[in-house]
Amino acid sequence: MTHLAWGGTKGPCSLYIRRDDGSIGRMKPDLSDVEDLDLPPMSAVASDDTGVIAMLSFEPEPRAYVTEDGTAMRMRPIDYEADDSQHVYLAVAGAAVAFSVDHEGALVSRGHEEPFVPCEALAGAGPVEFEGTSSDAALFGGILHPSMSSIVRVDRAGAAMRIAEMGSEEGTPPMLSALAWDASRHKLWAAAGVPGLLSSTAPSAKHGKKAPLS
């Protein structure tokens, strides 16, 4: 198994499971069994705090799949190609979906009928995460530079702010591998290799000033 995500906006949540071969299983709400879903191989699965599930597939056609209740599945095309050797990062917030492949930059769609477009401020981003569950939520991206790693926040209007950065005395900056938004503490958590688990307070809680990772 490679991905786990809790989904369901009404009633008991269901656990969605992505296996190594890309197949998707869903644990029944009573936890009695796992049902296999009739879906193409998925490259990534993600959920938001309200239980909206997003999945990304590049076979046979590149598409994003979004469901709120596990029954009605809405799809939107992706003008992007990727293969099994590449790592896919995925985030969802309501109807908004963002993804990146390896560290080739983030693409975002803010609605079911809206196309995926590159987020210029997150060119080179790997992991992505939304700041909350609104489709208008700001998007975070972890970017690897030659001399440092940074986290950039981009709001709905496209305004960008570098909220955190870190380097290494050895000269090779740590690679950010995952981001997770913590609404209860208004913090963004980051997994960063050797440094381990780091956190950064959101700019709105710091009066718009860049906050160091801790």
C-alpha atoms as a PDB file:
ATOM      1  CA  MET A   1       0.000   0.000   0.000  1.00  0.00           C
ATOM      2  CA  THR A   2       1.215   3.497  -0.825  1.00  0.00           C
ATOM      3  CA  HIS A   3      -1.633   5.917   0.038  1.00  0.00           C
ATOM      4  CA  LEU A   4      -4.377   6.094   2.677  1.00  0.00           C
ATOM      5  CA  ALA A   5      -7.148   8.717   2.782  1.00  0.00           C
ATOM      6  CA  TRP A   6     -10.327   9.002   4.828  1.00  0.00           C
ATOM      7  CA  GLY A   7     -13.325  10.082   2.772  1.00  0.00           C
ATOM      8  CA  GLY A   8     -17.035  10.725   3.144  1.00  0.00           C
ATOM      9  CA  THR A   9     -18.883  13.953   3.921  1.00  0.00           C
ATOM     10  CA  LYS A  10     -21.962  12.264   5.410  1.00  0.00           C
ATOM     11  CA  GLY A  11     -22.209   9.397   7.873  1.00  0.00           C
ATOM     12  CA  PRO A  12     -19.253   7.139   8.785  1.00  0.00           C
ATOM     13  CA  CYS A  13     -16.031   7.787   6.881  1.00  0.00           C
ATOM     14  CA  SER A  14     -14.499   5.195   4.589  1.00  0.00           C
ATOM     15  CA  LEU A  15     -10.795   4.504   4.247  1.00  0.00           C
ATOM     16  CA  TYR A  16      -9.504   4.634   0.655  1.00  0.00           C
ATOM     17  CA  ILE A  17      -6.415   2.551  -0.053  1.00  0.00           C
ATOM     18  CA  ARG A  18      -4.056   2.793  -3.022  1.00  0.00           C
ATOM     19  CA  ARG A  19      -2.064  -0.359  -3.632  1.00  0.00           C
ATOM     20  CA  ASP A  20       1.335  -0.701  -5.302  1.00  0.00           C
ATOM     21  CA  ASP A  21      -0.278  -1.522  -8.653  1.00  0.00           C
ATOM     22  CA  GLY A  22      -2.457   1.603  -8.553  1.00  0.00           C
ATOM     23  CA  SER A  23      -5.693  -0.227  -7.771  1.00  0.00           C
ATOM     24  CA  ILE A  24      -8.047   1.377  -5.244  1.00  0.00           C
ATOM     25  CA  GLY A  25      -9.781  -0.355  -2.370  1.00  0.00           C
ATOM     26  CA  ARG A  26     -12.328   1.167   0.002  1.00  0.00           C
ATOM     27  CA  MET A  27     -12.927  -0.157   3.480  1.00  0.00           C
ATOM     28  CA  LYS A  28     -16.601  -0.470   4.324  1.00  0.00           C
ATOM     29  CA  PRO A  29     -17.869   1.968   6.985  1.00  0.00           C
ATOM     30  CA  ASP A  30     -18.338  -0.890   9.461  1.00  0.00           C
ATOM     31  CA  LEU A  31     -14.681  -1.880   8.858  1.00  0.00           C
ATOM     32  CA  SER A  32     -15.762  -5.410   7.964  1.00  0.00           C
ATOM     33  CA  ASP A  33     -14.181  -5.664   4.518  1.00  0.00           C
ATOM     34  CA  VAL A  34     -12.419  -3.841   1.694  1.00  0.00           C
ATOM     35  CA  GLU A  35     -14.185  -3.488  -1.646  1.00  0.00           C
ATOM     36  CA  ASP A  36     -12.251  -3.040  -4.873  1.00  0.00           C
ATOM     37  CA  LEU A  37     -13.380  -0.012  -6.875  1.00  0.00           C
ATOM     38  CA  ASP A  38     -13.836  -0.218 -10.626  1.00  0.00           C
ATOM     39  CA  LEU A  39     -11.376   2.535 -11.456  1.00  0.00           C
ATOM     40  CA  PRO A  40      -8.261   2.835 -13.632  1.00  0.00           C
ATOM     41  CA  PRO A  41      -4.854   2.631 -11.933  1.00  0.00           C
ATOM     42  CA  MET A  42      -4.334   5.691  -9.765  1.00  0.00           C
ATOM     43  CA  SER A  43      -1.046   7.506  -9.212  1.00  0.00           C
ATOM     44  CA  ALA A  44      -2.124   9.293  -6.022  1.00  0.00           C
ATOM     45  CA  VAL A  45      -5.014   9.658  -3.565  1.00  0.00           C
ATOM     46  CA  ALA A  46      -5.714  12.558  -1.192  1.00  0.00           C
ATOM     47  CA  SER A  47      -8.529  13.902   0.987  1.00  0.00           C
ATOM     48  CA  ASP A  48      -9.415  17.139   2.738  1.00  0.00           C
ATOM     49  CA  ASP A  49     -10.713  17.567   6.288  1.00  0.00           C
ATOM     50  CA  THR A  50     -14.352  17.450   5.167  1.00  0.00           C
ATOM     51  CA  GLY A  51     -13.931  14.018   3.561  1.00  0.00           C
ATOM     52  CA  VAL A  52     -13.676  15.004  -0.111  1.00  0.00           C
ATOM     53  CA  ILE A  53     -11.539  12.443  -1.943  1.00  0.00           C
ATOM     54  CA  ALA A  54      -9.363  13.188  -4.976  1.00  0.00           C
ATOM     55  CA  MET A  55      -7.525  10.662  -7.126  1.00  0.00           C
ATOM     56  CA  LEU A  56      -5.226  11.101 -10.102  1.00  0.00           C
ATOM     57  CA  SER A  57      -4.762   8.701 -12.995  1.00  0.00           C
ATOM     58  CA  PHE A  58      -2.678   8.866 -16.160  1.00  0.00           C
ATOM     59  CA  GLU A  59      -4.132   5.644 -17.641  1.00  0.00           C
ATOM     60  CA  PRO A  60      -5.747   5.317 -20.082  1.00  0.00           C
ATOM     61  CA  GLU A  61      -6.375   9.082 -20.114  1.00  0.00           C
ATOM     62  CA  PRO A  62      -4.933  11.642 -17.677  1.00  0.00           C
ATOM     63  CA  ARG A  63      -7.791  12.606 -15.350  1.00  0.00           C
ATOM     64  CA  ALA A  64      -8.554  13.797 -11.849  1.00  0.00           C
ATOM     65  CA  TYR A  65     -11.407  12.100  -9.996  1.00  0.00           C
ATOM     66  CA  VAL A  66     -13.237  13.837  -7.146  1.00  0.00           C
ATOM     67  CA  THR A  67     -16.002  12.453  -4.929  1.00  0.00           C
ATOM     68  CA  GLU A  68     -17.748  13.757  -1.832  1.00  0.00           C
ATOM     69  CA  ASP A  69     -19.901  10.748  -1.028  1.00  0.00           C
ATOM     70  CA  GLY A  70     -18.024   7.858  -2.632  1.00  0.00           C
ATOM     71  CA  THR A  71     -20.824   7.341  -5.158  1.00  0.00           C
ATOM     72  CA  ALA A  72     -20.915  10.358  -7.454  1.00  0.00           C
ATOM     73  CA  MET A  73     -17.499  10.600  -9.118  1.00  0.00           C
ATOM     74  CA  ARG A  74     -16.709  13.777 -11.038  1.00  0.00           C
ATOM     75  CA  MET A  75     -13.837  13.761 -13.530  1.00  0.00           C
ATOM     76  CA  ARG A  76     -11.794  16.485 -15.171  1.00  0.00           C
ATOM     77  CA  PRO A  77      -9.117  16.057 -17.869  1.00  0.00           C
ATOM     78  CA  ILE A  78      -5.431  16.714 -17.311  1.00  0.00           C
ATOM     79  CA  ASP A  79      -3.170  17.927 -20.098  1.00  0.00           C
ATOM     80  CA  TYR A  80      -0.095  16.229 -18.653  1.00  0.00           C
ATOM     81  CA  GLU A  81       1.735  12.932 -19.083  1.00  0.00           C
ATOM     82  CA  ALA A  82       3.577  10.952 -16.406  1.00  0.00           C
ATOM     83  CA  ASP A  83       4.893   7.425 -16.043  1.00  0.00           C
ATOM     84  CA  ASP A  84       5.098   4.936 -13.180  1.00  0.00           C
ATOM     85  CA  SER A  85       8.665   5.900 -12.313  1.00  0.00           C
ATOM     86  CA  GLN A  86       7.637   9.445 -11.344  1.00  0.00           C
ATOM     87  CA  HIS A  87       6.286  10.489  -7.963  1.00  0.00           C
ATOM     88  CA  VAL A  88       2.938  12.272  -7.994  1.00  0.00           C
ATOM     89  CA  TYR A  89       1.962  14.725  -5.240  1.00  0.00           C
ATOM     90  CA  LEU A  90      -1.740  15.520  -4.824  1.00  0.00           C
ATOM     91  CA  ALA A  91      -3.898  17.860  -2.721  1.00  0.00           C
ATOM     92  CA  VAL A  92      -7.624  18.621  -2.599  1.00  0.00           C
ATOM     93  CA  ALA A  93      -9.783  21.313  -0.981  1.00  0.00           C
ATOM     94  CA  GLY A  94     -13.461  21.120  -1.824  1.00  0.00           C
ATOM     95  CA  ALA A  95     -13.652  21.305  -5.622  1.00  0.00           C
ATOM     96  CA  ALA A  96     -10.041  22.486  -5.941  1.00  0.00           C
ATOM     97  CA  VAL A  97      -7.349  19.978  -6.898  1.00  0.00           C
ATOM     98  CA  ALA A  98      -3.604  20.541  -7.225  1.00  0.00           C
ATOM     99  CA  PHE A  99      -0.843  18.160  -8.221  1.00  0.00           C
ATOM    100  CA  SER A 100       2.792  18.003  -9.187  1.00  0.00           C
ATOM    101  CA  VAL A 101       4.959  15.281 -10.703  1.00  0.00           C
ATOM    102  CA  ASP A 102       8.389  14.861  -9.111  1.00  0.00           C
ATOM    103  CA  HIS A 103       9.545  18.485  -8.779  1.00  0.00           C
ATOM    104  CA  GLU A 104       8.263  19.687 -12.141  1.00  0.00           C
ATOM    105  CA  GLY A 105       5.900  22.315 -10.711  1.00  0.00           C
ATOM    106  CA  ALA A 106       2.314  22.538  -9.492  1.00  0.00           C
ATOM    107  CA  LEU A 107      -0.833  22.588 -11.602  1.00  0.00           C
ATOM    108  CA  VAL A 108      -4.162  23.587 -10.064  1.00  0.00           C
ATOM    109  CA  SER A 109      -7.853  23.446 -10.979  1.00  0.00           C
ATOM    110  CA  ARG A 110     -10.212  25.442  -8.767  1.00  0.00           C
ATOM    111  CA  GLY A 111     -13.498  23.882  -9.911  1.00  0.00           C
ATOM    112  CA  HIS A 112     -15.041  20.830 -11.531  1.00  0.00           C
ATOM    113  CA  GLU A 113     -15.331  22.639 -14.863  1.00  0.00           C
ATOM    114  CA  GLU A 114     -12.049  24.533 -14.632  1.00  0.00           C
ATOM    115  CA  PRO A 115      -8.920  23.261 -16.421  1.00  0.00           C
ATOM    116  CA  PHE A 116      -5.631  22.550 -14.720  1.00  0.00           C
ATOM    117  CA  VAL A 117      -3.224  25.434 -15.185  1.00  0.00           C
ATOM    118  CA  PRO A 118       0.391  25.845 -14.044  1.00  0.00           C
ATOM    119  CA  CYS A 119       0.930  27.840 -10.866  1.00  0.00           C
ATOM    120  CA  GLU A 120       3.813  30.058 -11.923  1.00  0.00           C
ATOM    121  CA  ALA A 121       4.953  30.813  -8.385  1.00  0.00           C
ATOM    122  CA  LEU A 122       5.233  27.075  -7.695  1.00  0.00           C
ATOM    123  CA  ALA A 123       7.334  26.143 -10.712  1.00  0.00           C
ATOM    124  CA  GLY A 124       9.675  23.455  -9.460  1.00  0.00           C
ATOM    125  CA  ALA A 125       7.372  22.473  -6.592  1.00  0.00           C
ATOM    126  CA  GLY A 126       7.144  18.917  -5.343  1.00  0.00           C
ATOM    127  CA  PRO A 127       4.717  18.374  -2.444  1.00  0.00           C
ATOM    128  CA  VAL A 128       1.597  20.546  -2.425  1.00  0.00           C
ATOM    129  CA  GLU A 129      -1.096  21.269   0.155  1.00  0.00           C
ATOM    130  CA  PHE A 130      -4.091  23.586   0.502  1.00  0.00           C
ATOM    131  CA  GLU A 131      -4.597  25.940   3.447  1.00  0.00           C
ATOM    132  CA  GLY A 132      -7.956  24.548   4.497  1.00  0.00           C
ATOM    133  CA  THR A 133     -10.986  23.054   2.759  1.00  0.00           C
ATOM    134  CA  SER A 134     -12.328  25.943   0.685  1.00  0.00           C
ATOM    135  CA  SER A 135     -11.964  25.775  -3.081  1.00  0.00           C
ATOM    136  CA  ASP A 136     -10.434  29.255  -2.804  1.00  0.00           C
ATOM    137  CA  ALA A 137      -7.850  28.177  -0.205  1.00  0.00           C
ATOM    138  CA  ALA A 138      -4.250  29.248  -0.653  1.00  0.00           C
ATOM    139  CA  LEU A 139      -1.886  26.622  -2.032  1.00  0.00           C
ATOM    140  CA  PHE A 140       1.479  25.704  -0.495  1.00  0.00           C
ATOM    141  CA  GLY A 141       4.323  24.137  -2.434  1.00  0.00           C
ATOM    142  CA  GLY A 142       7.682  22.749  -1.364  1.00  0.00           C
ATOM    143  CA  ILE A 143      10.476  23.788  -3.737  1.00  0.00           C
ATOM    144  CA  LEU A 144      14.037  22.483  -3.954  1.00  0.00           C
ATOM    145  CA  HIS A 145      16.617  25.099  -4.966  1.00  0.00           C
ATOM    146  CA  PRO A 146      20.343  24.490  -5.583  1.00  0.00           C
ATOM    147  CA  SER A 147      21.294  25.972  -2.208  1.00  0.00           C
ATOM    148  CA  MET A 148      18.125  25.683  -0.114  1.00  0.00           C
ATOM    149  CA  SER A 149      14.611  24.323   0.192  1.00  0.00           C
ATOM    150  CA  SER A 150      11.648  26.632   0.596  1.00  0.00           C
ATOM    151  CA  ILE A 151       7.895  26.632   1.111  1.00  0.00           C
ATOM    152  CA  VAL A 152       5.873  29.110  -0.901  1.00  0.00           C
ATOM    153  CA  ARG A 153       2.271  30.118  -0.241  1.00  0.00           C
ATOM    154  CA  VAL A 154       0.144  31.265  -3.210  1.00  0.00           C
ATOM    155  CA  ASP A 155      -3.311  32.724  -2.614  1.00  0.00           C
ATOM    156  CA  ARG A 156      -6.342  32.442  -4.893  1.00  0.00           C
ATOM    157  CA  ALA A 157      -5.383  35.643  -6.719  1.00  0.00           C
ATOM    158  CA  GLY A 158      -1.850  34.389  -7.414  1.00  0.00           C
ATOM    159  CA  ALA A 159       0.012  36.492  -4.849  1.00  0.00           C
ATOM    160  CA  ALA A 160       2.986  34.484  -3.597  1.00  0.00           C
ATOM    161  CA  MET A 161       5.011  34.593  -0.374  1.00  0.00           C
ATOM    162  CA  ARG A 162       7.971  32.457   0.647  1.00  0.00           C
ATOM    163  CA  ILE A 163       6.974  31.495   4.181  1.00  0.00           C
ATOM    164  CA  ALA A 164       9.937  29.297   5.131  1.00  0.00           C
ATOM    165  CA  GLU A 165      13.365  28.275   3.910  1.00  0.00           C
ATOM    166  CA  MET A 166      16.190  26.037   5.065  1.00  0.00           C
ATOM    167  CA  GLY A 167      19.654  25.041   3.957  1.00  0.00           C
ATOM    168  CA  SER A 168      22.377  22.648   5.005  1.00  0.00           C
ATOM    169  CA  GLU A 169      25.935  23.076   6.222  1.00  0.00           C
ATOM    170  CA  GLU A 170      26.932  20.225   3.903  1.00  0.00           C
ATOM    171  CA  GLY A 171      25.717  22.247   0.921  1.00  0.00           C
ATOM    172  CA  THR A 172      22.889  19.936  -0.140  1.00  0.00           C
ATOM    173  CA  PRO A 173      19.543  21.267   1.076  1.00  0.00           C
ATOM    174  CA  PRO A 174      17.010  18.836   2.564  1.00  0.00           C
ATOM    175  CA  MET A 175      14.283  17.704   0.202  1.00  0.00           C
ATOM    176  CA  LEU A 176      10.697  18.337   1.288  1.00  0.00           C
ATOM    177  CA  SER A 177       8.704  15.151   0.754  1.00  0.00           C
ATOM    178  CA  ALA A 178       5.262  15.977   2.182  1.00  0.00           C
ATOM    179  CA  LEU A 179       3.166  18.899   3.448  1.00  0.00           C
ATOM    180  CA  ALA A 180       0.119  18.754   5.751  1.00  0.00           C
ATOM    181  CA  TRP A 181      -2.106  21.637   6.853  1.00  0.00           C
ATOM    182  CA  ASP A 182      -3.109  21.706  10.546  1.00  0.00           C
ATOM    183  CA  ALA A 183      -6.264  23.834  10.808  1.00  0.00           C
ATOM    184  CA  SER A 184      -6.526  23.457  14.594  1.00  0.00           C
ATOM    185  CA  ARG A 185      -3.099  25.065  15.140  1.00  0.00           C
ATOM    186  CA  HIS A 186      -3.024  27.159  11.972  1.00  0.00           C
ATOM    187  CA  LYS A 187       0.295  25.560  11.058  1.00  0.00           C
ATOM    188  CA  LEU A 188       1.790  23.861   8.037  1.00  0.00           C
ATOM    189  CA  TRP A 189       3.763  20.704   8.771  1.00  0.00           C
ATOM    190  CA  ALA A 190       6.543  19.492   6.496  1.00  0.00           C
ATOM    191  CA  ALA A 191       8.468  16.239   6.201  1.00  0.00           C
ATOM    192  CA  ALA A 192      12.055  17.076   5.267  1.00  0.00           C
ATOM    193  CA  GLY A 193      14.375  14.089   5.262  1.00  0.00           C
ATOM    194  CA  VAL A 194      17.166  14.320   7.836  1.00  0.00           C
ATOM    195  CA  PRO A 195      15.767  17.397   9.647  1.00  0.00           C
ATOM    196  CA  GLY A 196      12.608  15.364  10.205  1.00  0.00           C
ATOM    197  CA  LEU A 197       9.199  16.888  10.933  1.00  0.00           C
ATOM    198  CA  LEU A 198       9.029  20.678  10.782  1.00  0.00           C
ATOM    199  CA  SER A 199       6.264  23.234  11.184  1.00  0.00           C
ATOM    200  CA  SER A 200       5.616  26.795  10.098  1.00  0.00           C
ATOM    201  CA  THR A 201       2.922  29.165  11.360  1.00  0.00           C
ATOM    202  CA  ALA A 202       0.695  30.481   8.596  1.00  0.00           C
ATOM    203  CA  PRO A 203       1.470  34.064   7.472  1.00  0.00           C
ATOM    204  CA  SER A 204      -1.966  35.344   8.541  1.00  0.00           C
ATOM    205  CA  ALA A 205      -1.097  34.387  12.114  1.00  0.00           C
ATOM    206  CA  LYS A 206       2.260  36.190  11.810  1.00  0.00           C
ATOM    207  CA  HIS A 207       0.827  39.396  10.337  1.00  0.00           C
ATOM    208  CA  GLY A 208       2.088  38.520   6.857  1.00  0.00           C
ATOM    209  CA  LYS A 209       5.700  37.970   7.905  1.00  0.00           C
ATOM    210  CA  LYS A 210       7.786  34.975   6.913  1.00  0.00           C
ATOM    211  CA  ALA A 211       7.948  32.403   9.707  1.00  0.00           C
ATOM    212  CA  PRO A 212      10.946  30.112  10.237  1.00  0.00           C
ATOM    213  CA  LEU A 213      10.491  26.376  10.253  1.00  0.00           C
ATOM    214  CA  SER A 214      10.777  24.824  13.713  1.00  0.00           C
END
